[in-house]
Amino acid sequence: MPGPSPAPANIRLLKGRSEGHDVAGRPVAPPPPFKRLPPKPPTWLSREAKAEWRRILPELTRLDLVKKEDRASLTAYCETWATWVDAVRSVRRDGAVVKNTSTRKDGTETTWYTKNPSVSVMEKASQQLRSWAQEFGLTPSAEGRLVRDGARSNAEEDSENPFQ
C-alpha cells in the first residue's frame, strides 16, 4: 500500500529541524532551480475558480511554494473548489433528497425520493479538494506542519530539550 506522496523540498525544509535538514535531521537536497514566479490563471476559469485563484496565490507566492509550472495543479484545485461550491449551493437549494416522478403509458404517476446527485458531487469534490489543498499546504494539518523561519529557532531550542 503506497504511503503519502513525498513533500516538495521547500516544504520539507520549512518543517525541518535546522538549515538544510528535514524534520528527522536528514539533509534535504535543494529544490530544482525553478524561477519562483506565480503562474497566470487560464482565461477560461469559472468565476468562482478565479476568485479562489486570487485568494490563495498571493500567500503561496509569498511562501515560494508556486512557480509557473504549477499552473495545471492550481487550475485543478481552483476548479475543484468551484465544483464543490456549485454542489453545495445545489444541495442547499434543492435539499439532500429530491423527488422523482414518472408517468406510465396508462397515465398513472409514480413518485419516489432519491439522494440528490449533487450530494455525491459535493462529497467527491471535497475529497479531491483536500488532496489538492494538501499539495500546497492549504489545510490546517498541512499548515501546522509548515514551520516558518521565525518559529524555527524556537523549534531548534525545543529539540535540544531532553525532557520533551
Protein backbone atom coordinates (compact mmCIF):
# COMPACT_ATOMS: atom_id res chain seq x y z
CA MET A 1 0.00 0.00 0.00
CA PRO A 2 1.61 3.29 -1.04
CA GLY A 3 2.18 5.97 1.55
CA PRO A 4 1.73 9.69 1.18
CA SER A 5 3.45 11.36 -1.73
CA PRO A 6 6.78 12.92 -0.86
CA ALA A 7 6.62 16.59 0.03
CA PRO A 8 8.48 19.12 -2.12
CA ALA A 9 11.92 20.12 -0.86
CA ASN A 10 10.73 23.61 0.15
CA ILE A 11 8.05 22.14 2.41
CA ARG A 12 10.46 19.59 3.92
CA LEU A 13 12.88 22.43 4.64
CA LEU A 14 10.15 24.59 6.18
CA LYS A 15 9.29 21.71 8.51
CA GLY A 16 12.93 20.91 9.18
CA ARG A 17 14.90 20.97 12.40
CA SER A 18 17.77 23.05 11.08
CA GLU A 19 19.00 24.77 7.95
CA GLY A 20 19.10 22.31 5.06
CA HIS A 21 17.66 19.38 7.08
CA ASP A 22 14.22 17.81 7.31
CA VAL A 23 12.24 17.10 10.47
CA ALA A 24 14.27 13.92 11.09
CA GLY A 25 17.57 15.76 10.69
CA ARG A 26 18.32 14.27 7.25
CA PRO A 27 19.92 16.59 4.70
CA VAL A 28 17.48 17.81 2.05
CA ALA A 29 18.75 18.33 -1.46
CA PRO A 30 17.93 21.82 -2.68
CA PRO A 31 14.92 22.01 -4.97
CA PRO A 32 15.41 22.39 -8.71
CA PRO A 33 16.23 25.98 -9.61
CA PHE A 34 12.81 26.87 -10.98
CA LYS A 35 12.08 30.56 -11.17
CA ARG A 36 9.57 31.19 -8.39
CA LEU A 37 7.18 33.34 -10.38
CA PRO A 38 3.44 32.96 -9.90
CA PRO A 39 1.54 31.38 -12.79
CA LYS A 40 -1.10 33.31 -14.68
CA PRO A 41 -4.62 31.86 -14.46
CA PRO A 42 -6.16 30.35 -17.58
CA THR A 43 -8.61 32.68 -19.27
CA TRP A 44 -11.36 30.04 -19.20
CA LEU A 45 -11.52 29.61 -15.40
CA SER A 46 -15.00 29.84 -13.94
CA ARG A 47 -15.85 32.91 -11.85
CA GLU A 48 -15.65 31.01 -8.56
CA ALA A 49 -12.33 29.39 -9.58
CA LYS A 50 -10.87 32.82 -10.48
CA ALA A 51 -11.90 34.17 -7.09
CA GLU A 52 -10.18 31.23 -5.35
CA TRP A 53 -7.07 31.72 -7.50
CA ARG A 54 -6.89 35.39 -6.48
CA ARG A 55 -7.46 34.46 -2.83
CA ILE A 56 -4.69 31.84 -2.46
CA LEU A 57 -1.99 32.83 -4.95
CA PRO A 58 -0.54 35.84 -3.05
CA GLU A 59 0.22 33.77 0.04
CA LEU A 60 1.56 30.79 -1.93
CA THR A 61 3.80 33.21 -3.82
CA ARG A 62 4.99 34.82 -0.58
CA LEU A 63 5.97 31.38 0.75
CA ASP A 64 7.78 30.49 -2.52
CA LEU A 65 5.56 27.43 -2.93
CA VAL A 66 4.47 28.06 -6.53
CA LYS A 67 6.05 28.51 -9.91
CA LYS A 68 4.74 28.95 -13.44
CA GLU A 69 4.82 25.18 -13.94
CA ASP A 70 2.24 24.74 -11.16
CA ARG A 71 -0.47 26.31 -13.30
CA ALA A 72 -2.22 23.00 -14.05
CA SER A 73 -2.27 21.91 -10.41
CA LEU A 74 -3.56 25.28 -9.25
CA THR A 75 -6.17 25.24 -12.00
CA ALA A 76 -7.35 21.79 -10.92
CA TYR A 77 -7.51 22.93 -7.29
CA CYS A 78 -9.47 26.09 -8.12
CA GLU A 79 -11.92 24.36 -10.47
CA THR A 80 -12.44 21.60 -7.90
CA TRP A 81 -13.25 24.35 -5.39
CA ALA A 82 -15.76 25.83 -7.85
CA THR A 83 -17.36 22.41 -8.40
CA TRP A 84 -17.69 21.90 -4.65
CA VAL A 85 -19.26 25.34 -4.20
CA ASP A 86 -21.76 24.66 -7.02
CA ALA A 87 -22.70 21.31 -5.48
CA VAL A 88 -23.15 22.83 -2.01
CA ARG A 89 -25.41 25.52 -3.46
CA SER A 90 -27.47 22.88 -5.26
CA VAL A 91 -27.91 20.84 -2.08
CA ARG A 92 -28.90 23.94 -0.13
CA ARG A 93 -31.40 24.95 -2.81
CA ASP A 94 -32.90 21.51 -3.57
CA GLY A 95 -32.16 19.55 -0.41
CA ALA A 96 -30.20 16.35 0.12
CA VAL A 97 -33.17 14.28 -1.09
CA VAL A 98 -35.01 15.00 -4.32
CA LYS A 99 -38.44 13.94 -5.52
CA ASN A 100 -38.65 11.91 -8.72
CA THR A 101 -41.77 11.12 -10.72
CA SER A 102 -42.51 9.13 -13.81
CA THR A 103 -45.70 8.60 -15.78
CA ARG A 104 -46.56 5.20 -17.20
CA LYS A 105 -48.27 4.64 -20.53
CA ASP A 106 -51.56 4.13 -18.74
CA GLY A 107 -51.28 7.62 -17.20
CA THR A 108 -50.51 6.58 -13.63
CA GLU A 109 -47.79 8.52 -11.91
CA THR A 110 -45.14 7.01 -9.64
CA THR A 111 -43.23 9.12 -7.13
CA TRP A 112 -40.08 8.20 -5.24
CA TYR A 113 -37.27 10.00 -3.43
CA THR A 114 -33.55 9.64 -4.03
CA LYS A 115 -30.35 11.24 -2.87
CA ASN A 116 -29.67 14.48 -4.69
CA PRO A 117 -26.87 13.75 -7.22
CA SER A 118 -25.21 16.97 -6.06
CA VAL A 119 -24.52 15.31 -2.70
CA SER A 120 -22.25 12.77 -4.44
CA VAL A 121 -20.58 15.51 -6.48
CA MET A 122 -20.03 17.52 -3.29
CA GLU A 123 -18.53 14.52 -1.46
CA LYS A 124 -16.18 13.61 -4.32
CA ALA A 125 -15.11 17.23 -4.85
CA SER A 126 -14.44 17.56 -1.12
CA GLN A 127 -12.05 14.59 -1.23
CA GLN A 128 -10.28 15.93 -4.31
CA LEU A 129 -10.14 19.42 -2.85
CA ARG A 130 -8.46 18.14 0.31
CA SER A 131 -5.86 16.29 -1.77
CA TRP A 132 -5.07 19.34 -3.90
CA ALA A 133 -5.07 21.65 -0.87
CA GLN A 134 -2.53 19.47 0.94
CA GLU A 135 -0.20 19.72 -2.05
CA PHE A 136 0.02 23.47 -1.45
CA GLY A 137 -0.13 23.43 2.37
CA LEU A 138 -3.68 24.82 2.39
CA THR A 139 -5.27 22.57 5.01
CA PRO A 140 -4.96 23.16 8.78
CA SER A 141 -2.95 19.95 9.22
CA ALA A 142 -0.67 20.75 6.28
CA GLU A 143 -0.21 24.31 7.57
CA GLY A 144 0.59 23.02 11.03
CA ARG A 145 3.45 21.02 9.58
CA LEU A 146 4.95 24.12 7.97
CA VAL A 147 7.40 25.93 10.22
CA ARG A 148 8.29 29.50 9.32
CA ASP A 149 11.85 30.74 9.75
CA GLY A 150 10.93 32.84 12.80
CA ALA A 151 9.46 29.83 14.56
CA ARG A 152 12.32 27.56 13.57
CA SER A 153 14.68 28.94 16.20
CA ASN A 154 12.17 28.04 18.94
CA ALA A 155 11.73 24.57 17.45
CA GLU A 156 15.51 24.08 17.40
CA GLU A 157 15.76 25.17 21.03
CA ASP A 158 12.96 22.80 21.98
CA SER A 159 14.62 19.91 20.12
CA GLU A 160 17.60 20.31 22.43
CA ASN A 161 15.34 19.74 25.45
CA PRO A 162 15.68 16.08 26.54
CA PHE A 163 12.51 16.29 28.67
CA GLN A 164 10.09 16.68 25.80
